Amino acid sequence: RGFQGEDLADPLTVAACAKHFAGYGYAEGGRDY
């Protein structure tokens, strides 16, 4: 809501992107990728 504001057409906002879909934080051994 902070990134996108009330209206995406407001030039002071940006489109947000929820990542990473899904399960990336469960990498075995905590080893990235």
All heavy atoms as atom14 arrays in JSON, in Angstrom:
{
  "sequence": "RGFQGEDLADPLTVAACAKHFAGYGYAEGGRDY",
  "atom14_mask": [
    [1, 1, 1, 1, 1, 1, 1, 1, 1, 1, 1, 0, 0, 0],
    [1, 1, 1, 1, 0, 0, 0, 0, 0, 0, 0, 0, 0, 0],
    [1, 1, 1, 1, 1, 1, 1, 1, 1, 1, 1, 0, 0, 0],
    [1, 1, 1, 1, 1, 1, 1, 1, 1, 0, 0, 0, 0, 0],
    [1, 1, 1, 1, 0, 0, 0, 0, 0, 0, 0, 0, 0, 0],
    [1, 1, 1, 1, 1, 1, 1, 1, 1, 0, 0, 0, 0, 0],
    [1, 1, 1, 1, 1, 1, 1, 1, 0, 0, 0, 0, 0, 0],
    [1, 1, 1, 1, 1, 1, 1, 1, 0, 0, 0, 0, 0, 0],
    [1, 1, 1, 1, 1, 0, 0, 0, 0, 0, 0, 0, 0, 0],
    [1, 1, 1, 1, 1, 1, 1, 1, 0, 0, 0, 0, 0, 0],
    [1, 1, 1, 1, 1, 1, 1, 0, 0, 0, 0, 0, 0, 0],
    [1, 1, 1, 1, 1, 1, 1, 1, 0, 0, 0, 0, 0, 0],
    [1, 1, 1, 1, 1, 1, 1, 0, 0, 0, 0, 0, 0, 0],
    [1, 1, 1, 1, 1, 1, 1, 0, 0, 0, 0, 0, 0, 0],
    [1, 1, 1, 1, 1, 0, 0, 0, 0, 0, 0, 0, 0, 0],
    [1, 1, 1, 1, 1, 0, 0, 0, 0, 0, 0, 0, 0, 0],
    [1, 1, 1, 1, 1, 1, 0, 0, 0, 0, 0, 0, 0, 0],
    [1, 1, 1, 1, 1, 0, 0, 0, 0, 0, 0, 0, 0, 0],
    [1, 1, 1, 1, 1, 1, 1, 1, 1, 0, 0, 0, 0, 0],
    [1, 1, 1, 1, 1, 1, 1, 1, 1, 1, 0, 0, 0, 0],
    [1, 1, 1, 1, 1, 1, 1, 1, 1, 1, 1, 0, 0, 0],
    [1, 1, 1, 1, 1, 0, 0, 0, 0, 0, 0, 0, 0, 0],
    [1, 1, 1, 1, 0, 0, 0, 0, 0, 0, 0, 0, 0, 0],
    [1, 1, 1, 1, 1, 1, 1, 1, 1, 1, 1, 1, 0, 0],
    [1, 1, 1, 1, 0, 0, 0, 0, 0, 0, 0, 0, 0, 0],
    [1, 1, 1, 1, 1, 1, 1, 1, 1, 1, 1, 1, 0, 0],
    [1, 1, 1, 1, 1, 0, 0, 0, 0, 0, 0, 0, 0, 0],
    [1, 1, 1, 1, 1, 1, 1, 1, 1, 0, 0, 0, 0, 0],
    [1, 1, 1, 1, 0, 0, 0, 0, 0, 0, 0, 0, 0, 0],
    [1, 1, 1, 1, 0, 0, 0, 0, 0, 0, 0, 0, 0, 0],
    [1, 1, 1, 1, 1, 1, 1, 1, 1, 1, 1, 0, 0, 0],
    [1, 1, 1, 1, 1, 1, 1, 1, 0, 0, 0, 0, 0, 0],
    [1, 1, 1, 1, 1, 1, 1, 1, 1, 1, 1, 1, 0, 0]
  ],
  "atom14_positions": [
    [[0.83, -1.21, 0.0], [0.0, 0.0, 0.0], [0.86, 1.26, 0.0], [0.5, 2.28, -0.6], [-0.94, -0.01, 1.21], [-2.03, -1.06, 1.13], [-3.09, -0.85, 2.21], [-2.56, -1.06, 3.55], [-2.58, -2.22, 4.19], [-3.11, -3.29, 3.61], [-2.09, -2.33, 5.4], [0.0, 0.0, 0.0], [0.0, 0.0, 0.0], [0.0, 0.0, 0.0]],
    [[2.02, 1.2, 0.66], [2.91, 2.35, 0.66], [3.51, 2.62, -0.71], [3.51, 3.76, -1.2], [0.0, 0.0, 0.0], [0.0, 0.0, 0.0], [0.0, 0.0, 0.0], [0.0, 0.0, 0.0], [0.0, 0.0, 0.0], [0.0, 0.0, 0.0], [0.0, 0.0, 0.0], [0.0, 0.0, 0.0], [0.0, 0.0, 0.0], [0.0, 0.0, 0.0]],
    [[4.02, 1.58, -1.37], [4.59, 1.75, -2.69], [3.55, 2.24, -3.7], [3.83, 3.12, -4.51], [5.18, 0.42, -3.2], [6.48, 0.02, -2.57], [6.63, -1.25, -2.02], [7.56, 0.88, -2.55], [7.84, -1.65, -1.45], [8.78, 0.5, -1.98], [8.91, -0.77, -1.43], [0.0, 0.0, 0.0], [0.0, 0.0, 0.0], [0.0, 0.0, 0.0]],
    [[2.36, 1.65, -3.65], [1.37, 1.88, -4.7], [0.4, 3.01, -4.41], [-0.27, 3.5, -5.33], [0.59, 0.59, -4.98], [1.49, -0.53, -5.48], [0.74, -1.75, -5.99], [1.32, -2.62, -6.62], [-0.56, -1.85, -5.73], [0.0, 0.0, 0.0], [0.0, 0.0, 0.0], [0.0, 0.0, 0.0], [0.0, 0.0, 0.0], [0.0, 0.0, 0.0]],
    [[0.3, 3.44, -3.16], [-0.6, 4.53, -2.82], [-2.06, 4.19, -3.13], [-2.45, 3.03, -3.25], [0.0, 0.0, 0.0], [0.0, 0.0, 0.0], [0.0, 0.0, 0.0], [0.0, 0.0, 0.0], [0.0, 0.0, 0.0], [0.0, 0.0, 0.0], [0.0, 0.0, 0.0], [0.0, 0.0, 0.0], [0.0, 0.0, 0.0], [0.0, 0.0, 0.0]],
    [[-2.87, 5.22, -3.23], [-4.29, 5.03, -3.51], [-4.55, 4.83, -4.99], [-5.58, 4.29, -5.39], [-5.08, 6.26, -3.01], [-5.01, 6.49, -1.52], [-5.64, 5.35, -0.73], [-6.67, 4.8, -1.21], [-5.13, 5.01, 0.34], [0.0, 0.0, 0.0], [0.0, 0.0, 0.0], [0.0, 0.0, 0.0], [0.0, 0.0, 0.0], [0.0, 0.0, 0.0]],
    [[-3.62, 5.28, -5.84], [-3.84, 5.26, -7.28], [-2.49, 5.09, -7.96], [-1.6, 5.94, -7.84], [-4.51, 6.57, -7.73], [-4.82, 6.59, -9.22], [-4.56, 5.58, -9.91], [-5.31, 7.63, -9.7], [0.0, 0.0, 0.0], [0.0, 0.0, 0.0], [0.0, 0.0, 0.0], [0.0, 0.0, 0.0], [0.0, 0.0, 0.0], [0.0, 0.0, 0.0]],
    [[-2.32, 4.0, -8.72], [-1.05, 3.76, -9.38], [-0.73, 4.82, -10.43], [0.43, 4.99, -10.81], [-1.05, 2.37, -10.04], [-0.5, 1.21, -9.21], [-0.5, -0.06, -10.03], [0.89, 1.52, -8.7], [0.0, 0.0, 0.0], [0.0, 0.0, 0.0], [0.0, 0.0, 0.0], [0.0, 0.0, 0.0], [0.0, 0.0, 0.0], [0.0, 0.0, 0.0]],
    [[-1.75, 5.5, -10.93], [-1.51, 6.55, -11.92], [-0.9, 7.81, -11.29], [-0.52, 8.73, -12.02], [-2.81, 6.9, -12.64], [0.0, 0.0, 0.0], [0.0, 0.0, 0.0], [0.0, 0.0, 0.0], [0.0, 0.0, 0.0], [0.0, 0.0, 0.0], [0.0, 0.0, 0.0], [0.0, 0.0, 0.0], [0.0, 0.0, 0.0], [0.0, 0.0, 0.0]],
    [[-0.83, 7.86, -9.98], [-0.15, 8.96, -9.31], [1.35, 8.82, -9.58], [1.95, 7.8, -9.24], [-0.44, 8.88, -7.8], [0.19, 10.02, -7.01], [1.13, 10.66, -7.53], [-0.23, 10.24, -5.87], [0.0, 0.0, 0.0], [0.0, 0.0, 0.0], [0.0, 0.0, 0.0], [0.0, 0.0, 0.0], [0.0, 0.0, 0.0], [0.0, 0.0, 0.0]],
    [[1.98, 9.81, -10.2], [3.39, 9.68, -10.57], [4.35, 9.66, -9.39], [5.57, 9.58, -9.58], [3.64, 10.91, -11.45], [2.63, 11.91, -10.98], [1.42, 11.11, -10.61], [0.0, 0.0, 0.0], [0.0, 0.0, 0.0], [0.0, 0.0, 0.0], [0.0, 0.0, 0.0], [0.0, 0.0, 0.0], [0.0, 0.0, 0.0], [0.0, 0.0, 0.0]],
    [[3.83, 9.74, -8.18], [4.67, 9.65, -6.98], [4.63, 8.25, -6.38], [5.16, 8.02, -5.29], [4.24, 10.68, -5.95], [4.2, 12.13, -6.44], [3.81, 13.06, -5.3], [5.52, 12.56, -7.03], [0.0, 0.0, 0.0], [0.0, 0.0, 0.0], [0.0, 0.0, 0.0], [0.0, 0.0, 0.0], [0.0, 0.0, 0.0], [0.0, 0.0, 0.0]],
    [[3.99, 7.31, -7.07], [3.91, 5.93, -6.61], [4.57, 5.01, -7.62], [4.85, 5.4, -8.75], [2.45, 5.49, -6.41], [1.79, 5.45, -7.68], [1.71, 6.45, -5.49], [0.0, 0.0, 0.0], [0.0, 0.0, 0.0], [0.0, 0.0, 0.0], [0.0, 0.0, 0.0], [0.0, 0.0, 0.0], [0.0, 0.0, 0.0], [0.0, 0.0, 0.0]],
    [[4.82, 3.78, -7.21], [5.37, 2.77, -8.12], [4.61, 1.47, -7.93], [4.02, 1.23, -6.87], [6.88, 2.54, -7.86], [7.68, 3.8, -8.12], [7.13, 2.02, -6.45], [0.0, 0.0, 0.0], [0.0, 0.0, 0.0], [0.0, 0.0, 0.0], [0.0, 0.0, 0.0], [0.0, 0.0, 0.0], [0.0, 0.0, 0.0], [0.0, 0.0, 0.0]],
    [[4.62, 0.64, -8.95], [4.02, -0.69, -8.84], [4.9, -1.56, -7.95], [6.13, -1.55, -8.08], [3.87, -1.31, -10.22], [0.0, 0.0, 0.0], [0.0, 0.0, 0.0], [0.0, 0.0, 0.0], [0.0, 0.0, 0.0], [0.0, 0.0, 0.0], [0.0, 0.0, 0.0], [0.0, 0.0, 0.0], [0.0, 0.0, 0.0], [0.0, 0.0, 0.0]],
    [[4.27, -2.29, -7.06], [5.0, -3.19, -6.16], [5.09, -4.59, -6.76], [4.36, -4.92, -7.71], [4.32, -3.24, -4.79], [0.0, 0.0, 0.0], [0.0, 0.0, 0.0], [0.0, 0.0, 0.0], [0.0, 0.0, 0.0], [0.0, 0.0, 0.0], [0.0, 0.0, 0.0], [0.0, 0.0, 0.0], [0.0, 0.0, 0.0], [0.0, 0.0, 0.0]],
    [[5.95, -5.41, -6.2], [6.14, -6.78, -6.68], [6.38, -7.69, -5.48], [7.42, -7.59, -4.82], [7.32, -6.86, -7.64], [7.59, -8.49, -8.35], [0.0, 0.0, 0.0], [0.0, 0.0, 0.0], [0.0, 0.0, 0.0], [0.0, 0.0, 0.0], [0.0, 0.0, 0.0], [0.0, 0.0, 0.0], [0.0, 0.0, 0.0], [0.0, 0.0, 0.0]],
    [[5.44, -8.55, -5.16], [5.59, -9.5, -4.05], [6.48, -10.66, -4.52], [6.2, -11.29, -5.53], [4.23, -10.02, -3.6], [0.0, 0.0, 0.0], [0.0, 0.0, 0.0], [0.0, 0.0, 0.0], [0.0, 0.0, 0.0], [0.0, 0.0, 0.0], [0.0, 0.0, 0.0], [0.0, 0.0, 0.0], [0.0, 0.0, 0.0], [0.0, 0.0, 0.0]],
    [[7.54, -10.91, -3.78], [8.48, -11.96, -4.19], [8.94, -12.74, -2.95], [8.78, -12.25, -1.82], [9.68, -11.33, -4.91], [10.56, -10.42, -4.04], [11.67, -9.8, -4.84], [12.62, -9.03, -3.93], [13.68, -8.32, -4.68], [0.0, 0.0, 0.0], [0.0, 0.0, 0.0], [0.0, 0.0, 0.0], [0.0, 0.0, 0.0], [0.0, 0.0, 0.0]],
    [[9.42, -13.97, -3.12], [9.57, -14.77, -4.34], [8.61, -15.94, -4.22], [8.65, -16.67, -3.23], [10.98, -15.29, -4.47], [12.05, -14.22, -4.4], [12.51, -13.68, -3.2], [12.74, -13.57, -5.38], [13.45, -12.78, -3.44], [13.61, -12.67, -4.74], [0.0, 0.0, 0.0], [0.0, 0.0, 0.0], [0.0, 0.0, 0.0], [0.0, 0.0, 0.0]],
    [[7.76, -16.06, -5.18], [6.64, -17.0, -5.14], [7.09, -18.35, -5.69], [7.23, -18.52, -6.88], [5.52, -16.41, -6.0], [4.17, -17.01, -5.78], [3.47, -16.76, -4.61], [3.58, -17.8, -6.75], [2.2, -17.29, -4.41], [2.33, -18.35, -6.54], [1.64, -18.1, -5.39], [0.0, 0.0, 0.0], [0.0, 0.0, 0.0], [0.0, 0.0, 0.0]],
    [[7.31, -19.35, -4.82], [7.15, -19.34, -3.37], [8.13, -20.35, -2.77], [8.56, -21.29, -3.42], [5.74, -19.72, -3.0], [0.0, 0.0, 0.0], [0.0, 0.0, 0.0], [0.0, 0.0, 0.0], [0.0, 0.0, 0.0], [0.0, 0.0, 0.0], [0.0, 0.0, 0.0], [0.0, 0.0, 0.0], [0.0, 0.0, 0.0], [0.0, 0.0, 0.0]],
    [[8.46, -20.12, -1.48], [9.25, -21.05, -0.71], [10.74, -20.79, -0.72], [11.51, -21.56, -0.14], [0.0, 0.0, 0.0], [0.0, 0.0, 0.0], [0.0, 0.0, 0.0], [0.0, 0.0, 0.0], [0.0, 0.0, 0.0], [0.0, 0.0, 0.0], [0.0, 0.0, 0.0], [0.0, 0.0, 0.0], [0.0, 0.0, 0.0], [0.0, 0.0, 0.0]],
    [[11.15, -19.68, -1.32], [12.58, -19.37, -1.46], [13.3, -19.29, -0.11], [14.47, -19.65, 0.01], [12.67, -18.05, -2.22], [14.04, -17.54, -2.58], [15.09, -18.39, -2.94], [14.28, -16.17, -2.61], [16.32, -17.88, -3.31], [15.52, -15.66, -2.98], [16.53, -16.51, -3.32], [17.75, -16.0, -3.69], [0.0, 0.0, 0.0], [0.0, 0.0, 0.0]],
    [[12.6, -18.83, 0.92], [13.21, -18.69, 2.24], [13.49, -20.0, 2.94], [14.09, -20.01, 4.02], [0.0, 0.0, 0.0], [0.0, 0.0, 0.0], [0.0, 0.0, 0.0], [0.0, 0.0, 0.0], [0.0, 0.0, 0.0], [0.0, 0.0, 0.0], [0.0, 0.0, 0.0], [0.0, 0.0, 0.0], [0.0, 0.0, 0.0], [0.0, 0.0, 0.0]],
    [[13.06, -21.11, 2.34], [13.28, -22.43, 2.95], [14.45, -23.17, 2.3], [14.51, -24.39, 2.34], [12.0, -23.26, 2.85], [11.05, -23.01, 3.99], [10.35, -21.81, 4.09], [10.86, -23.95, 4.99], [9.49, -21.56, 5.14], [9.99, -23.71, 6.05], [9.31, -22.51, 6.11], [8.46, -22.26, 7.17], [0.0, 0.0, 0.0], [0.0, 0.0, 0.0]],
    [[15.38, -22.42, 1.73], [16.55, -23.04, 1.1], [17.27, -23.94, 2.09], [17.58, -23.53, 3.21], [17.49, -21.96, 0.59], [0.0, 0.0, 0.0], [0.0, 0.0, 0.0], [0.0, 0.0, 0.0], [0.0, 0.0, 0.0], [0.0, 0.0, 0.0], [0.0, 0.0, 0.0], [0.0, 0.0, 0.0], [0.0, 0.0, 0.0], [0.0, 0.0, 0.0]],
    [[17.55, -25.16, 1.68], [18.2, -26.12, 2.56], [19.57, -25.61, 3.0], [20.34, -25.08, 2.21], [18.37, -27.47, 1.86], [17.09, -28.27, 1.76], [17.34, -29.7, 1.31], [18.44, -29.98, 0.8], [16.44, -30.54, 1.48], [0.0, 0.0, 0.0], [0.0, 0.0, 0.0], [0.0, 0.0, 0.0], [0.0, 0.0, 0.0], [0.0, 0.0, 0.0]],
    [[19.84, -25.77, 4.29], [21.12, -25.33, 4.85], [21.28, -23.83, 4.89], [22.37, -23.33, 5.17], [0.0, 0.0, 0.0], [0.0, 0.0, 0.0], [0.0, 0.0, 0.0], [0.0, 0.0, 0.0], [0.0, 0.0, 0.0], [0.0, 0.0, 0.0], [0.0, 0.0, 0.0], [0.0, 0.0, 0.0], [0.0, 0.0, 0.0], [0.0, 0.0, 0.0]],
    [[20.2, -23.09, 4.58], [20.29, -21.65, 4.52], [21.13, -21.15, 3.37], [21.52, -19.98, 3.34], [0.0, 0.0, 0.0], [0.0, 0.0, 0.0], [0.0, 0.0, 0.0], [0.0, 0.0, 0.0], [0.0, 0.0, 0.0], [0.0, 0.0, 0.0], [0.0, 0.0, 0.0], [0.0, 0.0, 0.0], [0.0, 0.0, 0.0], [0.0, 0.0, 0.0]],
    [[21.41, -22.01, 2.39], [22.29, -21.65, 1.27], [21.47, -21.09, 0.12], [20.59, -21.77, -0.41], [23.09, -22.87, 0.82], [24.28, -22.52, -0.06], [25.18, -23.72, -0.32], [24.63, -24.63, -1.3], [24.25, -25.87, -1.05], [24.34, -26.36, 0.17], [23.78, -26.64, -2.0], [0.0, 0.0, 0.0], [0.0, 0.0, 0.0], [0.0, 0.0, 0.0]],
    [[21.77, -19.87, -0.25], [20.98, -19.18, -1.27], [20.93, -19.97, -2.57], [21.9, -20.63, -2.95], [21.55, -17.79, -1.53], [20.48, -16.78, -1.9], [19.32, -17.18, -2.09], [20.8, -15.58, -1.99], [0.0, 0.0, 0.0], [0.0, 0.0, 0.0], [0.0, 0.0, 0.0], [0.0, 0.0, 0.0], [0.0, 0.0, 0.0], [0.0, 0.0, 0.0]],
    [[19.79, -19.88, -3.23], [19.5, -20.55, -4.52], [19.41, -22.06, -4.38], [19.25, -22.76, -5.39], [20.56, -20.21, -5.59], [20.98, -18.77, -5.66], [22.33, -18.41, -5.58], [20.04, -17.74, -5.82], [22.73, -17.09, -5.65], [20.44, -16.41, -5.9], [21.79, -16.09, -5.81], [22.18, -14.78, -5.89], [0.0, 0.0, 0.0], [0.0, 0.0, 0.0]]
  ]
}
